[in-house]
Amino acid sequence: MGLIRIDDIKPGMILSSDLFTPQGRFLLPEGAVFTHETIKTCKAWGISAADIAGLDQNKLGAARLKSLAPEHISQSRLLIKPFFKAFDLDHPASREIYNIAVERIARKISSGVYSELTRLDPDEIPGPVDKEQQSSDSGQTAISLVRDQSELISLPDIFFQIIEVIGSPFSSAVHIADVVNKDSSLAAKLLKLVNSSFYGFPSKIDSISRAVTLLGTKEISSLALGISVLKVFEGIPEHVLNMEKFWKHSISCAVFSGLISSRMGSLSEERFFVAGLLHDLGRLIMIKSMPNACLKALIMSIKENIPLYQAEESFFGFNHARVGGLLCREWKMPVTLEEMVFNHHEPDKARNISEAGVVHLANILSQATLPEIVPEGAFPGLSETGWDSIGIDPSDLLPIVRQAEKQTEDIVQIFLDRE
C-alpha cells in the first residue's frame, strides 16, 4: 500500500485503510473501490491523498515517465543523475524528487528546449584548483567577512524603518503603509506581488493599507524587507555569478518555501517566502569580497561533483549559508529569518528544525526543477531529519511543484522589473 495524491487516484483503485476527512469524519472503509463519484466526493471534502493497495507514489512517478518517449527519458536520466549524487534514492521523498526532475527534463528535451545542462567549464578557467592556497584565498572568518562587507553596503533608509516596524509590538497597519509608501518603487512591487498568482485574491488590491489589512502588518513588513534587500547588490562579476539566474533561483526557492509552509498549515507564508528569497545572500557577500576564491570553490564543486556549500567549507572553513545567517544578524533581521537562512543546508542543526527544513526542501526542489539555472555541481542531499520535521508526504511534492511552476515566472517578472 502507499499514500497516493487524490489527483492520481483512478476509478478501480482500492483503499487499503479506512479514509477520513481532514475534520476526522469517516468517509470510506478499507477495501472500498474508487469510482468517479467517490473521487469527486473525496475532493469535495478536502482529502489530498489516500492509501491505495498495491501502489505508492514512487511507482506512480515511474508510471508518469512511461508517457514520454523512452529515448527522452534515457537522455534525461543521463543528464540529471550526476546531480543527485548526494541523495539517498531509497528514501521515498528523495526518489520522488528525482522522478519529478527526470520527468521535467524529459519534457523539456521532447519540446526542444535543450539537450544538455550547461555548466561553467572548469577547463576554460585559468589556474588550478589548489587546496594548498585556500588560506591565502580567504584569509577571513565568516563574521569578519560579514562585518567588512556590511559596512560597505549602503542599505536604503527604508530598510531600517521596516526593521523597526517588524521589531515593534505597537506597529499598526497605518504605520507600515506610511513607511512603504515613502518608496514608490517598493510600494509598486509590493502591490504587484500581492496581486500575483502567488496569492490569487479574487479582486485587485489597490493600496498598501488594503494589503496590510488582508495579510497583516508583520507579513507585509517581511515582504517589504525582502524586496528592499534586492536593490543593494550590484557589481557582482558576471564570470563568477549570473545575477539573473541567481535571482530566478532565489525567487523560485521563495515560492517553494511559501507553498510548503502553506501545505503545513503555517499562518505566516510570507516569512518563509522571504527566507527563501534571501537564503543565498551569503554567496553575494562572499563573491563581493573574494571573487577569485569563490570561483575556485565553484570549480571544485563542479569537478568533484559535490554541493557548493561543501566545497566552500573545504576552501574557507565556512559556507554561504553561515555567512547569510550572520548577515541577517548583523542587519538585525528577525531571528527566525536568520535561523532559516543560517541552517538551510543543515536543518537538523537549527533550533526550529521544521522552519529551516522548509527552506532546505524549497532550495532542493528549486534546483531539481530548474537545474539549468544552477551553476554548481551536485545538488545538496535531502536531510531526512529536516524532511520528517515538515510532516508532509512525498505525494504532496508534485502538486507543490506544479503550483510553483505557475507562480515563479509571474513573480520573476515583478522582481526583475520585466513588463
Protein backbone atom coordinates (compact mmCIF):
# COMPACT_ATOMS: atom_id res chain seq x y z
CA MET A 1 0.00 0.00 0.00
CA GLY A 2 1.01 3.62 -0.36
CA LEU A 3 -0.28 7.13 0.06
CA ILE A 4 -1.40 8.43 -3.36
CA ARG A 5 -2.41 12.03 -4.07
CA ILE A 6 -6.08 12.41 -4.91
CA ASP A 7 -5.36 13.76 -8.42
CA ASP A 8 -3.57 10.49 -9.26
CA ILE A 9 -6.30 8.16 -7.99
CA LYS A 10 -8.27 6.46 -10.77
CA PRO A 11 -11.56 4.51 -10.78
CA GLY A 12 -10.94 0.88 -9.87
CA MET A 13 -8.19 1.58 -7.33
CA ILE A 14 -8.78 0.01 -3.91
CA LEU A 15 -8.45 1.62 -0.48
CA SER A 16 -6.04 -0.21 1.82
CA SER A 17 -7.17 1.57 5.00
CA ASP A 18 -10.20 3.48 6.26
CA LEU A 19 -10.42 7.00 4.85
CA PHE A 20 -11.31 10.01 7.00
CA THR A 21 -11.84 13.66 6.13
CA PRO A 22 -9.38 16.28 7.47
CA GLN A 23 -12.03 17.03 10.12
CA GLY A 24 -11.97 13.39 11.30
CA ARG A 25 -15.23 12.29 9.72
CA PHE A 26 -15.29 8.67 8.46
CA LEU A 27 -15.77 8.62 4.68
CA LEU A 28 -14.85 5.26 3.11
CA PRO A 29 -13.95 1.84 4.54
CA GLU A 30 -10.87 -0.25 3.84
CA GLY A 31 -11.41 -2.26 0.67
CA ALA A 32 -13.66 0.33 -0.99
CA VAL A 33 -13.25 0.58 -4.76
CA PHE A 34 -12.91 4.11 -6.08
CA THR A 35 -15.37 5.37 -8.67
CA HIS A 36 -15.66 8.72 -10.44
CA GLU A 37 -18.25 9.73 -7.85
CA THR A 38 -16.24 8.74 -4.77
CA ILE A 39 -13.18 10.59 -6.14
CA LYS A 40 -15.33 13.73 -6.56
CA THR A 41 -16.64 13.29 -3.02
CA CYS A 42 -13.11 13.00 -1.62
CA LYS A 43 -12.08 16.20 -3.38
CA ALA A 44 -15.18 17.98 -2.10
CA TRP A 45 -14.23 17.02 1.48
CA GLY A 46 -10.69 18.35 1.04
CA ILE A 47 -8.91 14.99 1.01
CA SER A 48 -5.49 15.32 -0.62
CA ALA A 49 -4.34 11.67 -0.58
CA ALA A 50 -5.43 8.14 0.28
CA ASP A 51 -3.78 4.75 0.93
CA ILE A 52 -4.11 2.62 -2.20
CA ALA A 53 -3.50 -1.13 -2.29
CA GLY A 54 -0.51 -2.22 -4.36
CA LEU A 55 0.71 1.28 -5.21
CA ASP A 56 2.89 4.02 -3.84
CA GLN A 57 3.72 7.48 -5.13
CA ASN A 58 7.13 6.43 -6.44
CA LYS A 59 5.55 3.71 -8.60
CA LEU A 60 3.20 6.32 -9.97
CA GLY A 61 6.17 8.61 -10.54
CA ALA A 62 7.78 5.88 -12.64
CA ALA A 63 4.45 5.36 -14.45
CA ARG A 64 4.29 9.07 -15.37
CA LEU A 65 7.59 8.66 -17.18
CA LYS A 66 6.15 5.93 -19.41
CA SER A 67 4.02 8.52 -21.17
CA LEU A 68 7.20 10.09 -22.57
CA ALA A 69 9.49 8.84 -25.33
CA PRO A 70 11.97 6.26 -23.92
CA GLU A 71 14.93 8.00 -25.58
CA HIS A 72 13.99 11.28 -23.88
CA ILE A 73 13.72 9.55 -20.52
CA SER A 74 17.13 7.92 -21.00
CA GLN A 75 18.70 11.21 -22.02
CA SER A 76 17.08 12.95 -19.07
CA ARG A 77 18.41 10.39 -16.61
CA LEU A 78 21.92 10.71 -18.04
CA LEU A 79 21.76 14.47 -17.65
CA ILE A 80 20.23 14.66 -14.18
CA LYS A 81 21.56 11.60 -12.33
CA PRO A 82 25.02 13.08 -11.53
CA PHE A 83 23.38 15.99 -9.72
CA PHE A 84 21.65 13.56 -7.34
CA LYS A 85 24.94 12.06 -6.15
CA ALA A 86 24.33 13.29 -2.58
CA PHE A 87 20.81 11.81 -2.44
CA ASP A 88 19.70 8.54 -0.89
CA LEU A 89 17.36 7.47 -3.68
CA ASP A 90 15.95 4.70 -1.50
CA HIS A 91 14.30 7.42 0.59
CA PRO A 92 10.70 7.93 -0.69
CA ALA A 93 10.91 11.74 -0.80
CA SER A 94 14.33 11.75 -2.48
CA ARG A 95 13.11 9.25 -5.04
CA GLU A 96 10.01 11.34 -5.77
CA ILE A 97 12.12 14.49 -6.22
CA TYR A 98 14.37 12.54 -8.60
CA ASN A 99 11.36 11.27 -10.59
CA ILE A 100 9.95 14.78 -10.81
CA ALA A 101 13.30 16.11 -12.06
CA VAL A 102 13.64 13.35 -14.66
CA GLU A 103 10.12 13.99 -15.92
CA ARG A 104 10.64 17.77 -16.13
CA ILE A 105 13.92 17.42 -18.04
CA ALA A 106 12.45 14.79 -20.38
CA ARG A 107 9.52 17.07 -21.23
CA LYS A 108 11.91 19.94 -21.97
CA ILE A 109 14.01 17.66 -24.18
CA SER A 110 10.92 16.46 -26.06
CA SER A 111 9.82 20.05 -26.64
CA GLY A 112 13.28 21.03 -27.88
CA VAL A 113 14.05 23.42 -25.01
CA TYR A 114 17.51 21.92 -24.54
CA SER A 115 19.55 18.78 -24.98
CA GLU A 116 22.13 19.36 -22.27
CA LEU A 117 22.58 21.03 -18.89
CA THR A 118 25.23 23.68 -19.41
CA ARG A 119 27.68 24.34 -16.64
CA LEU A 120 30.69 26.57 -16.18
CA ASP A 121 33.56 24.74 -17.91
CA PRO A 122 36.35 24.44 -15.32
CA ASP A 123 38.92 23.85 -18.09
CA GLU A 124 38.24 27.31 -19.51
CA ILE A 125 39.13 28.99 -16.21
CA PRO A 126 42.85 29.76 -15.83
CA GLY A 127 44.62 28.47 -12.75
CA PRO A 128 44.39 25.16 -10.90
CA VAL A 129 42.09 24.39 -8.02
CA ASP A 130 44.80 24.40 -5.37
CA LYS A 131 43.62 23.46 -1.89
CA GLU A 132 47.04 24.37 -0.54
CA GLN A 133 46.27 28.02 -1.27
CA GLN A 134 42.90 28.08 0.42
CA SER A 135 44.09 30.00 3.50
CA SER A 136 45.59 32.82 1.43
CA ASP A 137 42.50 32.83 -0.82
CA SER A 138 40.12 33.53 2.03
CA GLY A 139 42.09 34.84 4.99
CA GLN A 140 38.91 35.74 6.86
CA THR A 141 36.45 34.26 9.28
CA ALA A 142 32.77 34.30 8.40
CA ILE A 143 31.97 37.04 10.91
CA SER A 144 34.87 39.30 9.87
CA LEU A 145 33.85 38.89 6.24
CA VAL A 146 30.26 39.85 7.03
CA ARG A 147 31.25 42.87 9.11
CA ASP A 148 33.71 44.14 6.49
CA GLN A 149 31.21 43.80 3.66
CA SER A 150 28.13 45.02 5.54
CA GLU A 151 29.95 48.29 6.24
CA LEU A 152 30.46 48.77 2.50
CA ILE A 153 26.84 48.09 1.57
CA SER A 154 24.64 51.16 1.52
CA LEU A 155 21.24 49.98 2.67
CA PRO A 156 18.29 52.22 1.85
CA ASP A 157 16.82 54.17 4.76
CA ILE A 158 13.54 52.36 4.30
CA PHE A 159 15.26 49.07 5.19
CA PHE A 160 15.90 50.28 8.73
CA GLN A 161 12.39 51.72 9.01
CA ILE A 162 10.94 48.33 8.06
CA ILE A 163 13.20 46.57 10.60
CA GLU A 164 11.83 48.98 13.22
CA VAL A 165 8.25 48.17 12.23
CA ILE A 166 8.90 44.43 12.44
CA GLY A 167 10.53 44.77 15.86
CA SER A 168 7.87 47.00 17.39
CA PRO A 169 4.84 45.42 19.11
CA PHE A 170 2.98 48.71 18.58
CA SER A 171 3.24 48.89 14.78
CA SER A 172 -0.10 49.43 13.11
CA ALA A 173 -1.46 48.97 9.60
CA VAL A 174 -1.30 52.73 9.11
CA HIS A 175 2.33 52.79 10.26
CA ILE A 176 3.59 50.15 7.83
CA ALA A 177 1.55 51.64 4.97
CA ASP A 178 3.12 55.04 5.63
CA VAL A 179 6.63 53.55 5.68
CA VAL A 180 6.22 51.54 2.47
CA ASN A 181 4.53 54.36 0.58
CA LYS A 182 7.64 56.53 1.09
CA ASP A 183 9.36 54.39 -1.55
CA SER A 184 7.21 54.38 -4.68
CA SER A 185 9.24 51.63 -6.37
CA LEU A 186 8.94 49.36 -3.30
CA ALA A 187 5.22 50.07 -2.97
CA ALA A 188 4.63 49.29 -6.65
CA LYS A 189 6.50 45.96 -6.46
CA LEU A 190 4.76 45.01 -3.25
CA LEU A 191 1.32 45.64 -4.78
CA LYS A 192 2.26 43.65 -7.88
CA LEU A 193 3.36 40.76 -5.66
CA VAL A 194 0.17 40.84 -3.58
CA ASN A 195 -1.85 40.83 -6.82
CA SER A 196 0.15 37.98 -8.34
CA SER A 197 -0.85 34.35 -8.77
CA PHE A 198 1.02 33.55 -5.54
CA TYR A 199 -1.95 34.94 -3.60
CA GLY A 200 -4.76 34.67 -6.12
CA PHE A 201 -7.04 37.22 -4.46
CA PRO A 202 -10.38 37.43 -6.33
CA SER A 203 -10.24 41.23 -6.66
CA LYS A 204 -7.42 43.71 -7.23
CA ILE A 205 -5.62 45.09 -4.17
CA ASP A 206 -5.01 48.74 -4.99
CA SER A 207 -3.37 50.11 -1.84
CA ILE A 208 -0.72 49.14 0.70
CA SER A 209 -3.16 49.74 3.55
CA ARG A 210 -5.58 47.25 1.97
CA ALA A 211 -2.75 44.73 1.55
CA VAL A 212 -1.84 45.14 5.22
CA THR A 213 -5.47 44.58 6.21
CA LEU A 214 -5.62 41.33 4.23
CA LEU A 215 -2.20 39.89 5.10
CA GLY A 216 -1.19 41.55 8.37
CA THR A 217 1.38 44.11 9.48
CA LYS A 218 4.25 41.69 10.12
CA GLU A 219 3.61 39.80 6.88
CA ILE A 220 3.66 42.89 4.66
CA SER A 221 6.69 44.19 6.57
CA SER A 222 8.56 40.95 5.87
CA LEU A 223 7.75 41.11 2.16
CA ALA A 224 8.83 44.76 2.01
CA LEU A 225 12.07 43.84 3.76
CA GLY A 226 12.85 41.12 1.21
CA ILE A 227 12.16 43.42 -1.74
CA SER A 228 14.27 46.26 -0.33
CA VAL A 229 17.32 44.00 0.11
CA LEU A 230 17.34 43.05 -3.59
CA LYS A 231 18.34 46.59 -4.51
CA VAL A 232 21.67 46.67 -2.70
CA PHE A 233 23.71 44.01 -4.50
CA GLU A 234 25.38 45.31 -7.63
CA GLY A 235 28.76 44.84 -9.26
CA ILE A 236 28.90 41.03 -8.94
CA PRO A 237 31.39 39.68 -11.55
CA GLU A 238 29.39 38.02 -14.34
CA HIS A 239 32.02 35.31 -14.90
CA VAL A 240 31.54 34.18 -11.30
CA LEU A 241 27.78 34.52 -11.00
CA ASN A 242 24.96 35.22 -13.43
CA MET A 243 22.76 37.54 -11.36
CA GLU A 244 19.58 36.95 -13.35
CA LYS A 245 19.87 33.20 -12.82
CA PHE A 246 20.77 33.79 -9.17
CA TRP A 247 17.61 35.82 -8.53
CA LYS A 248 15.46 33.41 -10.52
CA HIS A 249 16.64 30.56 -8.29
CA SER A 250 16.09 32.71 -5.19
CA ILE A 251 12.56 33.64 -6.28
CA SER A 252 11.81 30.01 -7.12
CA CYS A 253 13.04 29.00 -3.64
CA ALA A 254 10.85 31.73 -2.14
CA VAL A 255 7.76 30.43 -3.93
CA PHE A 256 8.50 26.84 -2.90
CA SER A 257 9.05 27.94 0.71
CA GLY A 258 5.69 29.68 0.79
CA LEU A 259 3.87 26.73 -0.77
CA ILE A 260 5.48 24.15 1.53
CA SER A 261 4.65 26.22 4.61
CA SER A 262 1.08 26.55 3.36
CA ARG A 263 0.87 22.76 2.97
CA MET A 264 1.99 22.53 6.62
CA GLY A 265 -0.81 24.88 7.67
CA SER A 266 1.50 27.79 8.52
CA LEU A 267 -0.13 31.13 9.22
CA SER A 268 2.90 33.09 8.01
CA GLU A 269 3.73 32.08 4.44
CA GLU A 270 5.30 35.50 3.88
CA ARG A 271 8.05 34.84 6.45
CA PHE A 272 9.01 31.63 4.66
CA PHE A 273 8.77 33.34 1.27
CA VAL A 274 11.29 35.98 2.41
CA ALA A 275 13.59 33.34 3.93
CA GLY A 276 13.62 31.54 0.59
CA LEU A 277 14.24 34.78 -1.26
CA LEU A 278 17.24 35.66 0.92
CA HIS A 279 18.60 32.16 1.58
CA ASP A 280 21.67 32.60 -0.67
CA LEU A 281 22.61 36.17 0.28
CA GLY A 282 25.82 34.78 1.77
CA ARG A 283 27.01 33.87 -1.72
CA LEU A 284 26.79 37.52 -2.78
CA ILE A 285 28.74 38.69 0.26
CA MET A 286 31.45 36.10 -0.36
CA ILE A 287 31.72 36.88 -4.07
CA LYS A 288 31.93 40.63 -3.47
CA SER A 289 34.81 40.10 -1.03
CA MET A 290 36.77 37.29 -2.72
CA PRO A 291 35.50 36.54 -6.23
CA ASN A 292 38.52 34.51 -7.36
CA ALA A 293 38.46 32.25 -4.32
CA CYS A 294 34.71 31.74 -4.75
CA LEU A 295 35.29 30.82 -8.37
CA LYS A 296 37.81 28.20 -7.26
CA ALA A 297 35.26 26.76 -4.83
CA LEU A 298 32.70 26.65 -7.65
CA ILE A 299 35.18 24.88 -9.93
CA MET A 300 35.87 22.37 -7.17
CA SER A 301 32.13 21.78 -6.75
CA ILE A 302 31.80 21.01 -10.47
CA LYS A 303 34.98 18.95 -10.90
CA GLU A 304 34.40 16.82 -7.81
CA ASN A 305 30.60 16.82 -8.28
CA ILE A 306 29.85 17.89 -4.72
CA PRO A 307 27.41 20.50 -3.39
CA LEU A 308 28.82 24.03 -3.48
CA TYR A 309 28.45 24.57 0.27
CA GLN A 310 30.74 21.58 0.90
CA ALA A 311 33.36 22.96 -1.49
CA GLU A 312 33.15 26.31 0.31
CA GLU A 313 33.74 24.62 3.64
CA SER A 314 36.82 22.94 2.20
CA PHE A 315 38.22 26.27 1.00
CA PHE A 316 37.13 28.72 3.66
CA GLY A 317 36.11 26.73 6.72
CA PHE A 318 32.55 28.11 6.39
CA ASN A 319 29.83 28.22 3.74
CA HIS A 320 27.44 30.76 2.25
CA ALA A 321 24.55 29.67 4.49
CA ARG A 322 26.53 30.64 7.58
CA VAL A 323 27.58 33.94 6.01
CA GLY A 324 23.98 34.70 5.03
CA GLY A 325 22.72 33.95 8.52
CA LEU A 326 25.37 36.17 10.09
CA LEU A 327 24.47 38.95 7.66
CA CYS A 328 20.84 38.71 8.76
CA ARG A 329 22.04 39.02 12.36
CA GLU A 330 24.30 41.97 11.55
CA TRP A 331 21.39 43.75 9.87
CA LYS A 332 19.13 42.93 12.85
CA MET A 333 16.64 40.97 10.81
CA PRO A 334 14.15 38.76 12.71
CA VAL A 335 15.84 35.84 14.48
CA THR A 336 13.57 33.30 12.79
CA LEU A 337 14.68 34.59 9.39
CA GLU A 338 18.33 34.42 10.45
CA GLU A 339 17.89 30.81 11.61
CA MET A 340 16.26 29.67 8.37
CA VAL A 341 18.99 31.23 6.22
CA PHE A 342 21.83 30.03 8.50
CA ASN A 343 20.66 26.40 8.52
CA HIS A 344 19.10 25.89 5.11
CA HIS A 345 21.68 23.23 4.19
CA GLU A 346 21.70 21.56 7.62
CA PRO A 347 18.24 21.97 9.15
CA ASP A 348 18.94 19.34 11.81
CA LYS A 349 21.28 21.89 13.47
CA ALA A 350 18.59 24.57 13.75
CA ARG A 351 16.69 25.33 16.94
CA ASN A 352 13.49 25.11 14.92
CA ILE A 353 14.21 22.20 12.59
CA SER A 354 10.91 22.36 10.71
CA GLU A 355 11.32 26.03 9.76
CA ALA A 356 14.86 25.51 8.45
CA GLY A 357 13.61 22.28 6.87
CA VAL A 358 11.10 24.21 4.76
CA VAL A 359 13.80 26.38 3.14
CA HIS A 360 16.08 23.32 2.85
CA LEU A 361 13.43 21.42 0.89
CA ALA A 362 12.46 24.51 -1.12
CA ASN A 363 16.08 25.01 -2.21
CA ILE A 364 16.35 21.38 -3.33
CA LEU A 365 13.05 21.50 -5.25
CA SER A 366 14.11 24.71 -6.97
CA GLN A 367 17.41 23.18 -8.05
CA ALA A 368 15.84 19.90 -9.13
CA THR A 369 13.14 21.55 -11.25
CA LEU A 370 15.30 24.36 -12.67
CA PRO A 371 18.74 22.70 -12.97
CA GLU A 372 19.63 24.82 -16.00
CA ILE A 373 20.00 27.92 -13.80
CA VAL A 374 22.09 26.23 -11.08
CA PRO A 375 25.86 26.71 -11.62
CA GLU A 376 27.21 24.26 -9.04
CA GLY A 377 27.98 20.53 -9.05
CA ALA A 378 25.79 18.01 -7.23
CA PHE A 379 22.60 19.23 -5.56
CA PRO A 380 22.61 19.21 -1.73
CA GLY A 381 21.15 15.94 -0.46
CA LEU A 382 17.82 15.84 1.36
CA SER A 383 18.10 15.90 5.16
CA GLU A 384 15.88 13.11 6.48
CA THR A 385 15.58 14.92 9.81
CA GLY A 386 14.53 18.10 8.03
CA TRP A 387 12.07 16.18 5.86
CA ASP A 388 10.50 14.37 8.81
CA SER A 389 10.09 17.63 10.72
CA ILE A 390 7.98 19.19 7.96
CA GLY A 391 5.32 16.50 8.20
CA ILE A 392 4.24 16.35 4.58
CA ASP A 393 4.13 13.28 2.34
CA PRO A 394 6.04 12.55 -0.88
CA SER A 395 2.65 12.65 -2.58
CA ASP A 396 2.49 16.38 -1.78
CA LEU A 397 5.60 17.21 -3.78
CA LEU A 398 4.26 17.10 -7.34
CA PRO A 399 1.27 19.37 -6.58
CA ILE A 400 3.67 21.81 -4.92
CA VAL A 401 5.95 21.72 -7.97
CA ARG A 402 3.03 22.29 -10.33
CA GLN A 403 1.85 25.28 -8.31
CA ALA A 404 5.37 26.70 -8.11
CA GLU A 405 5.85 26.48 -11.86
CA LYS A 406 2.74 28.57 -12.42
CA GLN A 407 3.73 31.22 -9.88
CA THR A 408 7.50 31.58 -10.19
CA GLU A 409 7.67 33.20 -13.63
CA ASP A 410 4.95 35.67 -12.64
CA ILE A 411 6.99 36.79 -9.63
CA VAL A 412 10.26 36.83 -11.60
CA GLN A 413 8.64 39.39 -13.90
CA ILE A 414 7.83 41.55 -10.86
CA PHE A 415 11.17 41.34 -9.08
CA LEU A 416 13.33 41.74 -12.18
CA ASP A 417 11.22 44.63 -13.50
CA ARG A 418 10.12 42.90 -16.65
CA GLU A 419 6.98 44.15 -18.35
